[in-house]
C-alpha atoms as a PDB file:
ATOM      1  CA  MET A   1      22.207   7.404   8.122  1.00  0.00           C
ATOM      2  CA  ALA A   2      18.431   7.348   8.081  1.00  0.00           C
ATOM      3  CA  LEU A   3      16.650   8.956  10.972  1.00  0.00           C
ATOM      4  CA  PHE A   4      13.869   6.387  10.933  1.00  0.00           C
ATOM      5  CA  LYS A   5      14.536   2.824   9.946  1.00  0.00           C
ATOM      6  CA  LYS A   6      11.767   1.085   8.001  1.00  0.00           C
ATOM      7  CA  ARG A   7      10.411  -1.740  10.112  1.00  0.00           C
ATOM      8  CA  THR A   8       9.268  -4.878   8.375  1.00  0.00           C
ATOM      9  CA  VAL A   9       7.710  -8.113   9.530  1.00  0.00           C
ATOM     10  CA  GLY A  10       9.135 -11.404   8.372  1.00  0.00           C
ATOM     11  CA  LYS A  11      12.523 -12.404   7.047  1.00  0.00           C
ATOM     12  CA  PRO A  12      14.079 -12.914   3.642  1.00  0.00           C
ATOM     13  CA  GLY A  13      13.641 -16.560   2.702  1.00  0.00           C
ATOM     14  CA  GLU A  14      10.008 -16.491   3.764  1.00  0.00           C
ATOM     15  CA  TRP A  15       7.464 -16.415   0.974  1.00  0.00           C
ATOM     16  CA  PHE A  16       4.205 -14.487   0.878  1.00  0.00           C
ATOM     17  CA  TYR A  17       1.263 -14.132  -1.487  1.00  0.00           C
ATOM     18  CA  CYS A  18       0.251 -10.508  -2.036  1.00  0.00           C
ATOM     19  CA  LEU A  19      -3.527 -10.173  -2.338  1.00  0.00           C
ATOM     20  CA  GLU A  20      -3.334  -6.682  -3.827  1.00  0.00           C
ATOM     21  CA  HIS A  21      -0.822  -7.481  -6.569  1.00  0.00           C
ATOM     22  CA  GLN A  22      -1.827 -11.162  -6.873  1.00  0.00           C
ATOM     23  CA  LYS A  23       1.754 -12.343  -6.936  1.00  0.00           C
ATOM     24  CA  VAL A  24       4.302 -14.230  -4.857  1.00  0.00           C
ATOM     25  CA  GLU A  25       6.899 -12.179  -2.995  1.00  0.00           C
ATOM     26  CA  GLU A  26       9.982 -13.150  -1.052  1.00  0.00           C
ATOM     27  CA  GLY A  27      10.352 -11.429   2.273  1.00  0.00           C
ATOM     28  CA  PRO A  28       8.102  -8.718   3.643  1.00  0.00           C
ATOM     29  CA  ASP A  29       7.499  -6.578   0.572  1.00  0.00           C
ATOM     30  CA  CYS A  30       3.859  -5.444   0.871  1.00  0.00           C
ATOM     31  CA  PRO A  31       2.022  -4.488   4.076  1.00  0.00           C
ATOM     32  CA  GLY A  32       0.848  -7.356   6.258  1.00  0.00           C
ATOM     33  CA  LYS A  33      -2.810  -6.499   5.646  1.00  0.00           C
ATOM     34  CA  ASP A  34      -2.330  -7.308   1.943  1.00  0.00           C
ATOM     35  CA  ARG A  35      -0.505 -10.609   2.163  1.00  0.00           C
ATOM     36  CA  MET A  36      -0.910 -14.241   3.148  1.00  0.00           C
ATOM     37  CA  GLY A  37       1.926 -16.177   4.678  1.00  0.00           C
ATOM     38  CA  PRO A  38       4.674 -16.731   5.482  1.00  0.00           C
ATOM     39  CA  TYR A  39       5.144 -19.926   3.537  1.00  0.00           C
ATOM     40  CA  ALA A  40       8.216 -22.150   3.617  1.00  0.00           C
ATOM     41  CA  SER A  41       8.597 -22.242  -0.162  1.00  0.00           C
ATOM     42  CA  ARG A  42       7.698 -20.317  -3.284  1.00  0.00           C
ATOM     43  CA  GLU A  43       5.503 -23.226  -4.417  1.00  0.00           C
ATOM     44  CA  GLU A  44       3.409 -23.086  -1.230  1.00  0.00           C
ATOM     45  CA  ALA A  45       2.924 -19.340  -1.680  1.00  0.00           C
ATOM     46  CA  GLU A  46       1.904 -19.841  -5.328  1.00  0.00           C
ATOM     47  CA  HIS A  47      -0.935 -22.082  -4.136  1.00  0.00           C
ATOM     48  CA  ALA A  48      -2.063 -19.779  -1.305  1.00  0.00           C
ATOM     49  CA  MET A  49      -5.459 -18.982  -2.819  1.00  0.00           C
ATOM     50  CA  ARG A  50      -6.189 -22.626  -3.640  1.00  0.00           C
ATOM     51  CA  THR A  51      -5.190 -23.656  -0.120  1.00  0.00           C
ATOM     52  CA  ALA A  52      -7.478 -20.971   1.340  1.00  0.00           C
ATOM     53  CA  ARG A  53     -10.416 -22.138  -0.821  1.00  0.00           C
ATOM     54  CA  GLU A  54      -9.858 -25.765   0.233  1.00  0.00           C
ATOM     55  CA  ARG A  55      -9.686 -24.829   3.918  1.00  0.00           C
ATOM     56  CA  ASN A  56     -12.810 -22.687   3.639  1.00  0.00           C
ATOM     57  CA  LEU A  57     -14.709 -25.637   2.150  1.00  0.00           C
ATOM     58  CA  GLU A  58     -13.484 -27.904   4.942  1.00  0.00           C
ATOM     59  CA  TRP A  59     -14.601 -25.397   7.597  1.00  0.00           C
ATOM     60  CA  GLU A  60     -17.965 -24.800   5.929  1.00  0.00           C
ATOM     61  CA  ASN A  61     -18.646 -28.533   5.971  1.00  0.00           C
ATOM     62  CA  ASP A  62     -17.293 -29.136   9.484  1.00  0.00           C
ATOM     63  CA  PRO A  63     -20.193 -30.055  11.803  1.00  0.00           C
ATOM     64  CA  LYS A  64     -18.439 -28.331  14.730  1.00  0.00           C
ATOM     65  CA  TRP A  65     -19.015 -24.980  12.984  1.00  0.00           C
ATOM     66  CA  HIS A  66     -22.724 -25.620  12.453  1.00  0.00           C
ATOM     67  CA  ASP A  67     -24.077 -25.661  15.972  1.00  0.00           C
ATOM     68  CA  SER A  68     -27.844 -26.102  15.690  1.00  0.00           C
ATOM     69  CA  GLY A  69     -28.258 -24.785  19.256  1.00  0.00           C
ATOM     70  CA  ALA A  70     -27.331 -21.264  18.108  1.00  0.00           C
ATOM     71  CA  ARG A  71     -30.326 -21.121  15.756  1.00  0.00           C
ATOM     72  CA  GLY A  72     -33.970 -21.901  16.094  1.00  0.00           C
ATOM     73  CA  GLU A  73     -35.131 -25.458  15.541  1.00  0.00           C
ATOM     74  CA  ASP A  74     -36.395 -24.587  12.054  1.00  0.00           C
ATOM     75  CA  GLY A  75     -33.087 -22.940  11.036  1.00  0.00           C
ATOM     76  CA  ASP A  76     -34.064 -19.340  11.786  1.00  0.00           C
ATOM     77  CA  ALA A  77     -31.382 -17.037  13.051  1.00  0.00           C
END
């Protein structure tokens, strides 16, 4: 019997995309700081980077994130 049990986050059946290894993993394999997810399916995890790029573009072009009141009138910070 092990003295210390390895604690993991997530459950088998959940899919993650590991940023360090650039691969899809089932269950909590790599540390949380290195992965995106959980995703409901392997296919969703395979597209994690594309989904992140698409969401970043949406947020960058969202007028709610570009509050002109936070900057000077001429665009200075």
